[in-house]
N, C-alpha and C. Protein backbone atom coordinates (compact mmCIF):
# COMPACT_ATOMS: atom_id res chain seq x y z
N MET A 1 42.69 -45.45 20.51
CA MET A 1 42.22 -46.65 19.15
C MET A 1 43.88 -47.08 18.68
N ARG A 2 43.28 -48.26 18.61
CA ARG A 2 44.85 -48.64 17.47
C ARG A 2 44.70 -48.29 16.54
N ALA A 3 45.67 -49.28 15.27
CA ALA A 3 46.02 -49.39 14.44
C ALA A 3 45.35 -50.15 13.69
N SER A 4 45.06 -51.33 14.35
CA SER A 4 43.42 -51.89 14.00
C SER A 4 42.12 -51.61 14.03
N ASP A 5 41.89 -51.20 14.70
CA ASP A 5 40.87 -50.25 14.94
C ASP A 5 40.54 -49.52 14.03
N PHE A 6 41.88 -48.55 13.96
CA PHE A 6 41.70 -48.04 12.47
C PHE A 6 40.41 -48.52 11.04
N TRP A 7 41.64 -49.96 10.99
CA TRP A 7 41.68 -51.13 9.94
C TRP A 7 40.05 -51.40 9.96
N ARG A 8 39.26 -51.53 10.95
CA ARG A 8 38.43 -51.70 11.00
C ARG A 8 37.15 -50.68 10.92
N LEU A 9 37.09 -49.61 11.26
CA LEU A 9 37.13 -48.67 10.71
C LEU A 9 36.40 -48.67 9.48
N MET A 10 37.70 -48.56 8.77
CA MET A 10 37.84 -48.20 7.35
C MET A 10 36.93 -49.69 6.63
N ASP A 11 37.19 -50.78 7.03
CA ASP A 11 36.44 -51.81 6.13
C ASP A 11 34.76 -51.34 6.54
N ASP A 12 34.46 -51.03 7.77
CA ASP A 12 33.37 -51.23 7.82
C ASP A 12 32.10 -50.50 6.90
N GLU A 13 33.43 -48.61 7.02
CA GLU A 13 32.53 -48.05 6.30
C GLU A 13 32.02 -47.86 4.48
N PHE A 14 33.99 -48.57 4.34
CA PHE A 14 34.37 -47.99 2.89
C PHE A 14 34.07 -49.71 2.10
N GLY A 15 34.66 -50.68 2.82
CA GLY A 15 34.46 -51.84 2.37
C GLY A 15 35.98 -52.52 1.98
N ALA A 16 36.26 -53.24 2.17
CA ALA A 16 37.72 -53.86 2.37
C ALA A 16 38.42 -53.41 1.49
N GLY A 17 37.66 -53.74 0.34
CA GLY A 17 39.05 -52.96 -1.36
C GLY A 17 39.48 -51.90 -1.36
N TYR A 18 38.19 -50.66 -1.43
CA TYR A 18 38.19 -49.94 -1.16
C TYR A 18 38.89 -48.53 -0.08
N SER A 19 38.69 -49.62 0.67
CA SER A 19 39.16 -48.63 2.38
C SER A 19 40.55 -48.32 2.67
N ARG A 20 41.34 -49.55 1.47
CA ARG A 20 43.05 -50.10 1.23
C ARG A 20 43.33 -48.33 -0.10
N VAL A 21 42.02 -48.30 -1.11
CA VAL A 21 42.72 -47.44 -2.35
C VAL A 21 42.54 -46.47 -1.49
N LEU A 22 41.18 -45.90 -0.16
CA LEU A 22 41.41 -44.47 0.39
C LEU A 22 42.84 -44.12 0.98
N ALA A 23 42.69 -45.38 1.71
CA ALA A 23 43.60 -45.11 2.92
C ALA A 23 45.40 -44.39 2.14
N ASN A 24 45.68 -45.79 0.33
CA ASN A 24 46.80 -45.58 0.03
C ASN A 24 46.57 -44.22 -0.92
N SER A 25 45.82 -43.40 -1.40
CA SER A 25 45.87 -42.75 -2.68
C SER A 25 45.37 -41.65 -2.44
N LEU A 26 43.92 -40.96 -1.28
CA LEU A 26 43.28 -39.88 -0.70
C LEU A 26 44.71 -39.22 -0.36
N VAL A 27 44.70 -38.57 -0.64
CA VAL A 27 45.24 -36.54 0.21
C VAL A 27 44.49 -36.14 1.40
N LEU A 28 44.46 -36.12 3.16
CA LEU A 28 43.72 -36.02 4.05
C LEU A 28 44.36 -34.25 4.99
N ALA A 29 44.13 -33.61 4.47
CA ALA A 29 44.15 -31.72 5.29
C ALA A 29 44.46 -32.00 6.49
N GLY A 30 43.33 -33.20 6.97
CA GLY A 30 44.14 -33.20 8.63
C GLY A 30 44.93 -33.62 8.99
N VAL A 31 46.10 -34.16 8.23
CA VAL A 31 47.09 -34.88 8.98
C VAL A 31 47.88 -33.96 7.83
N GLY A 32 48.08 -33.04 7.49
CA GLY A 32 49.29 -32.56 6.92
C GLY A 32 49.62 -33.47 5.84
N GLY A 33 48.54 -33.13 4.72
CA GLY A 33 48.61 -33.60 3.32
C GLY A 33 48.95 -34.83 3.06
N ARG A 34 48.84 -35.57 4.09
CA ARG A 34 49.42 -37.30 3.84
C ARG A 34 48.32 -37.79 3.21
N THR A 35 48.57 -38.74 2.45
CA THR A 35 47.56 -40.33 3.03
C THR A 35 46.94 -41.12 3.55
N ALA A 36 46.58 -41.65 4.33
CA ALA A 36 46.03 -42.17 5.87
C ALA A 36 47.07 -43.03 6.13
N VAL A 37 47.56 -43.93 5.13
CA VAL A 37 49.30 -44.79 5.30
C VAL A 37 50.43 -44.05 5.36
N GLU A 38 50.49 -43.01 4.59
CA GLU A 38 52.33 -41.71 5.23
C GLU A 38 51.70 -41.30 6.76
N ALA A 39 50.07 -40.57 6.89
CA ALA A 39 50.57 -40.32 8.49
C ALA A 39 50.39 -41.37 9.00
N LEU A 40 49.83 -42.25 8.76
CA LEU A 40 50.07 -43.52 10.06
C LEU A 40 51.26 -43.90 10.57
N ALA A 41 51.62 -43.61 8.65
CA ALA A 41 53.43 -44.51 9.63
C ALA A 41 54.42 -42.96 9.63
N SER A 42 53.49 -41.92 9.65
CA SER A 42 54.74 -40.69 10.37
C SER A 42 54.27 -40.83 11.93
N GLY A 43 53.56 -41.17 12.29
CA GLY A 43 53.29 -41.39 13.61
C GLY A 43 52.12 -40.60 14.32
N TYR A 44 51.05 -39.56 13.33
CA TYR A 44 49.47 -39.86 13.60
C TYR A 44 48.78 -40.89 14.44
N GLN A 45 48.62 -40.72 15.46
CA GLN A 45 47.51 -41.73 15.79
C GLN A 45 46.34 -41.54 14.98
N PRO A 46 46.30 -43.35 15.62
CA PRO A 46 45.15 -44.06 14.12
C PRO A 46 43.40 -42.94 14.61
N ARG A 47 43.25 -42.06 15.10
CA ARG A 47 42.09 -41.96 15.77
C ARG A 47 41.78 -40.08 15.20
N GLU A 48 43.26 -39.67 15.32
CA GLU A 48 43.33 -38.48 14.36
C GLU A 48 43.13 -38.43 12.43
N VAL A 49 43.85 -40.17 11.74
CA VAL A 49 43.88 -40.39 10.50
C VAL A 49 41.93 -40.48 10.01
N TRP A 50 41.18 -41.55 11.67
CA TRP A 50 39.95 -42.39 11.31
C TRP A 50 38.69 -40.41 11.08
N LEU A 51 39.16 -39.53 12.17
CA LEU A 51 38.72 -38.25 11.70
C LEU A 51 39.08 -37.18 10.35
N ALA A 52 40.07 -37.77 10.74
CA ALA A 52 40.47 -37.19 8.62
C ALA A 52 39.55 -37.49 7.85
N MET A 53 39.83 -39.09 7.45
CA MET A 53 39.20 -39.56 6.81
C MET A 53 37.63 -39.12 6.65
N CYS A 54 37.10 -38.92 7.20
CA CYS A 54 35.95 -39.04 7.69
C CYS A 54 35.17 -37.61 7.43
N GLU A 55 36.09 -36.40 7.76
CA GLU A 55 36.04 -35.05 7.68
C GLU A 55 35.68 -35.78 5.75
N VAL A 56 37.09 -35.44 5.29
CA VAL A 56 36.59 -35.45 3.38
C VAL A 56 35.87 -36.58 3.03
N GLN A 57 35.50 -37.99 3.60
CA GLN A 57 34.65 -38.57 2.98
C GLN A 57 32.94 -38.01 3.07
N ASP A 58 32.87 -37.45 4.39
CA ASP A 58 31.13 -37.35 4.88
C ASP A 58 31.18 -37.84 5.74
N VAL A 59 31.45 -38.60 6.18
CA VAL A 59 31.26 -39.65 6.93
C VAL A 59 30.02 -38.99 8.24
N PRO A 60 29.25 -39.75 8.61
CA PRO A 60 28.27 -38.74 8.94
C PRO A 60 28.42 -38.70 10.54
N PRO A 61 28.42 -37.92 11.62
CA PRO A 61 29.00 -38.14 12.63
C PRO A 61 28.13 -39.62 13.29
N GLU A 62 27.68 -40.07 12.87
CA GLU A 62 26.57 -41.53 13.65
C GLU A 62 27.49 -42.12 13.45
N ARG A 63 27.65 -41.74 12.40
CA ARG A 63 28.78 -44.06 12.18
C ARG A 63 30.31 -43.19 12.13
N ARG A 64 30.89 -42.49 12.33
CA ARG A 64 32.33 -42.37 12.68
C ARG A 64 32.82 -43.04 13.86
N LEU A 65 32.33 -44.07 15.03
CA LEU A 65 32.09 -44.60 16.41
C LEU A 65 32.60 -46.48 15.92
N GLY A 66 31.46 -46.51 14.06
CA GLY A 66 31.66 -47.44 14.39
C GLY A 66 30.50 -47.83 13.99
N ARG A 67 29.95 -49.34 13.32
CA ARG A 67 28.87 -49.41 13.74
C ARG A 67 28.29 -50.17 14.22
N ASP A 68 28.52 -50.19 15.70
CA ASP A 68 27.80 -51.64 16.46
C ASP A 68 28.45 -50.30 17.96
N ILE A 69 28.78 -49.32 17.58
CA ILE A 69 28.31 -48.13 19.15
C ILE A 69 28.07 -46.88 18.60
N LYS A 70 27.18 -46.41 19.33
CA LYS A 70 25.88 -45.89 19.34
C LYS A 70 26.86 -44.05 19.99
N PRO A 71 26.58 -43.35 19.68
CA PRO A 71 27.41 -41.96 20.21
C PRO A 71 26.54 -41.78 21.42
N THR A 72 26.52 -41.63 22.41
CA THR A 72 26.15 -40.77 23.84
C THR A 72 25.49 -39.09 23.63
N ALA A 73 24.37 -39.17 23.64
CA ALA A 73 23.55 -37.42 23.72
C ALA A 73 24.55 -36.36 25.17
N ASN A 74 25.22 -35.91 24.34
CA ASN A 74 25.26 -34.74 25.28
C ASN A 74 24.71 -33.36 26.21
């Protein structure tokens, strides 16, 4: 996942304005107690940051791949 994909997923899930608020203010335990912006800047992979955000915000698994991508059955 690229950083641009991370921001697209954030905007799709939370809206363009609110996604920036979350990314700059919500502390994510899954990335060492950093905000998403801090985690990305310190070298965490965008996918790892996205999944940490999903966990904290209770994003359902079926929406964690984005709007147009459907998860495959295992």
